[in-house]
Amino acid sequence: MKYNKREFAELLKKRGYTQKDALAITNDFISVLSEILFNHDSVTFSGFGNFEVKHRKAPDGDVLLPQKRSAYIKFTQSKAFKDELMDHC
């Protein structure tokens, strides 16, 4: 199953949060994570993984113009998370 933001908040409701609080937590998490990544910093959640911004270079032979470069978010799972994930597969 693929979850969207509202469905993610619904999972928080099952843990005892109100709908309003669940949506606020979800929105705040996304906002704070985005702010950190927009500043080209990384975020590490011990036991889960690491989020960081990476850049692709322009193709060889091209001048490095901003429109030829691209940025992406790289997630690297922690060993503990990977092991637990494998136990659930």
C-alpha atoms as a PDB file:
ATOM      1  CA  MET A   1       0.000   0.000   0.000  1.00  0.00           C
ATOM      2  CA  LYS A   2       1.096   3.538  -0.726  1.00  0.00           C
ATOM      3  CA  TYR A   3       0.222   6.183   1.890  1.00  0.00           C
ATOM      4  CA  ASN A   4      -0.474   9.853   1.304  1.00  0.00           C
ATOM      5  CA  LYS A   5      -0.240  12.590   3.936  1.00  0.00           C
ATOM      6  CA  ARG A   6      -3.847  12.227   5.113  1.00  0.00           C
ATOM      7  CA  GLU A   7      -3.544   8.445   5.412  1.00  0.00           C
ATOM      8  CA  PHE A   8      -0.315   8.873   7.357  1.00  0.00           C
ATOM      9  CA  ALA A   9      -2.121  11.215   9.762  1.00  0.00           C
ATOM     10  CA  GLU A  10      -4.866   8.593  10.125  1.00  0.00           C
ATOM     11  CA  LEU A  11      -2.235   6.171  11.449  1.00  0.00           C
ATOM     12  CA  LEU A  12      -1.318   8.759  14.092  1.00  0.00           C
ATOM     13  CA  LYS A  13      -4.997   8.993  15.060  1.00  0.00           C
ATOM     14  CA  LYS A  14      -4.928   5.261  15.803  1.00  0.00           C
ATOM     15  CA  ARG A  15      -2.170   6.030  18.309  1.00  0.00           C
ATOM     16  CA  GLY A  16      -4.421   8.396  20.236  1.00  0.00           C
ATOM     17  CA  TYR A  17      -3.866  11.765  18.529  1.00  0.00           C
ATOM     18  CA  THR A  18      -6.780  13.911  17.482  1.00  0.00           C
ATOM     19  CA  GLN A  19      -7.311  14.481  13.745  1.00  0.00           C
ATOM     20  CA  LYS A  20      -6.180  18.085  14.159  1.00  0.00           C
ATOM     21  CA  ASP A  21      -3.026  17.131  16.085  1.00  0.00           C
ATOM     22  CA  ALA A  22      -2.210  14.266  13.708  1.00  0.00           C
ATOM     23  CA  LEU A  23      -2.368  16.579  10.689  1.00  0.00           C
ATOM     24  CA  ALA A  24      -0.376  19.275  12.521  1.00  0.00           C
ATOM     25  CA  ILE A  25       2.362  16.780  13.457  1.00  0.00           C
ATOM     26  CA  THR A  26       2.504  15.437   9.899  1.00  0.00           C
ATOM     27  CA  ASN A  27       2.627  18.923   8.345  1.00  0.00           C
ATOM     28  CA  ASP A  28       5.222  20.145  10.850  1.00  0.00           C
ATOM     29  CA  PHE A  29       7.421  17.096  10.280  1.00  0.00           C
ATOM     30  CA  ILE A  30       7.357  17.635   6.509  1.00  0.00           C
ATOM     31  CA  SER A  31       7.979  21.364   6.919  1.00  0.00           C
ATOM     32  CA  VAL A  32      10.941  20.963   9.280  1.00  0.00           C
ATOM     33  CA  LEU A  33      12.497  18.152   7.236  1.00  0.00           C
ATOM     34  CA  SER A  34      12.116  20.222   4.058  1.00  0.00           C
ATOM     35  CA  GLU A  35      13.638  23.309   5.689  1.00  0.00           C
ATOM     36  CA  ILE A  36      16.698  21.322   6.772  1.00  0.00           C
ATOM     37  CA  LEU A  37      17.151  19.729   3.351  1.00  0.00           C
ATOM     38  CA  PHE A  38      16.620  23.042   1.509  1.00  0.00           C
ATOM     39  CA  ASN A  39      19.615  24.336   3.499  1.00  0.00           C
ATOM     40  CA  HIS A  40      21.626  21.368   2.143  1.00  0.00           C
ATOM     41  CA  ASP A  41      21.966  19.870   5.618  1.00  0.00           C
ATOM     42  CA  SER A  42      21.228  16.234   6.405  1.00  0.00           C
ATOM     43  CA  VAL A  43      18.901  14.586   8.909  1.00  0.00           C
ATOM     44  CA  THR A  44      19.738  11.367  10.731  1.00  0.00           C
ATOM     45  CA  PHE A  45      17.210   9.379  12.737  1.00  0.00           C
ATOM     46  CA  SER A  46      19.120   6.842  14.786  1.00  0.00           C
ATOM     47  CA  GLY A  47      17.815   3.356  14.108  1.00  0.00           C
ATOM     48  CA  PHE A  48      15.960   4.509  10.982  1.00  0.00           C
ATOM     49  CA  GLY A  49      18.185   6.258   8.454  1.00  0.00           C
ATOM     50  CA  ASN A  50      19.662   9.391   6.944  1.00  0.00           C
ATOM     51  CA  PHE A  51      18.174  11.958   4.544  1.00  0.00           C
ATOM     52  CA  GLU A  52      20.548  14.142   2.541  1.00  0.00           C
ATOM     53  CA  VAL A  53      20.589  16.279  -0.590  1.00  0.00           C
ATOM     54  CA  LYS A  54      22.720  15.047  -3.477  1.00  0.00           C
ATOM     55  CA  HIS A  55      23.459  16.744  -6.792  1.00  0.00           C
ATOM     56  CA  ARG A  56      23.761  15.263 -10.241  1.00  0.00           C
ATOM     57  CA  LYS A  57      26.321  16.926 -12.441  1.00  0.00           C
ATOM     58  CA  ALA A  58      25.513  18.128 -15.916  1.00  0.00           C
ATOM     59  CA  PRO A  59      26.157  15.582 -18.664  1.00  0.00           C
ATOM     60  CA  ASP A  60      29.771  15.478 -19.898  1.00  0.00           C
ATOM     61  CA  GLY A  61      30.510  18.093 -22.485  1.00  0.00           C
ATOM     62  CA  ASP A  62      27.856  20.504 -21.261  1.00  0.00           C
ATOM     63  CA  VAL A  63      28.646  23.731 -19.524  1.00  0.00           C
ATOM     64  CA  LEU A  64      27.530  23.525 -15.888  1.00  0.00           C
ATOM     65  CA  LEU A  65      24.414  25.611 -16.199  1.00  0.00           C
ATOM     66  CA  PRO A  66      21.896  25.591 -13.336  1.00  0.00           C
ATOM     67  CA  GLN A  67      19.197  24.124 -15.582  1.00  0.00           C
ATOM     68  CA  LYS A  68      21.488  21.188 -16.452  1.00  0.00           C
ATOM     69  CA  ARG A  69      22.134  20.191 -12.836  1.00  0.00           C
ATOM     70  CA  SER A  70      19.616  18.509 -10.621  1.00  0.00           C
ATOM     71  CA  ALA A  71      19.234  17.836  -6.919  1.00  0.00           C
ATOM     72  CA  TYR A  72      17.608  14.858  -5.286  1.00  0.00           C
ATOM     73  CA  ILE A  73      17.000  13.499  -1.798  1.00  0.00           C
ATOM     74  CA  LYS A  74      18.935  10.387  -0.887  1.00  0.00           C
ATOM     75  CA  PHE A  75      17.670   8.164   1.919  1.00  0.00           C
ATOM     76  CA  THR A  76      20.115   5.680   3.408  1.00  0.00           C
ATOM     77  CA  GLN A  77      18.549   3.213   5.789  1.00  0.00           C
ATOM     78  CA  SER A  78      20.326   2.309   8.994  1.00  0.00           C
ATOM     79  CA  LYS A  79      21.524  -1.249   9.509  1.00  0.00           C
ATOM     80  CA  ALA A  80      19.022  -1.721  12.343  1.00  0.00           C
ATOM     81  CA  PHE A  81      16.114  -0.590  10.140  1.00  0.00           C
ATOM     82  CA  LYS A  82      17.311  -2.712   7.221  1.00  0.00           C
ATOM     83  CA  ASP A  83      17.550  -5.782   9.461  1.00  0.00           C
ATOM     84  CA  GLU A  84      14.074  -5.194  10.892  1.00  0.00           C
ATOM     85  CA  LEU A  85      12.652  -4.604   7.408  1.00  0.00           C
ATOM     86  CA  MET A  86      14.137  -7.888   6.217  1.00  0.00           C
ATOM     87  CA  ASP A  87      12.493  -9.660   9.167  1.00  0.00           C
ATOM     88  CA  HIS A  88       9.093  -8.376   7.960  1.00  0.00           C
ATOM     89  CA  CYS A  89       9.530  -9.467   4.322  1.00  0.00           C
END
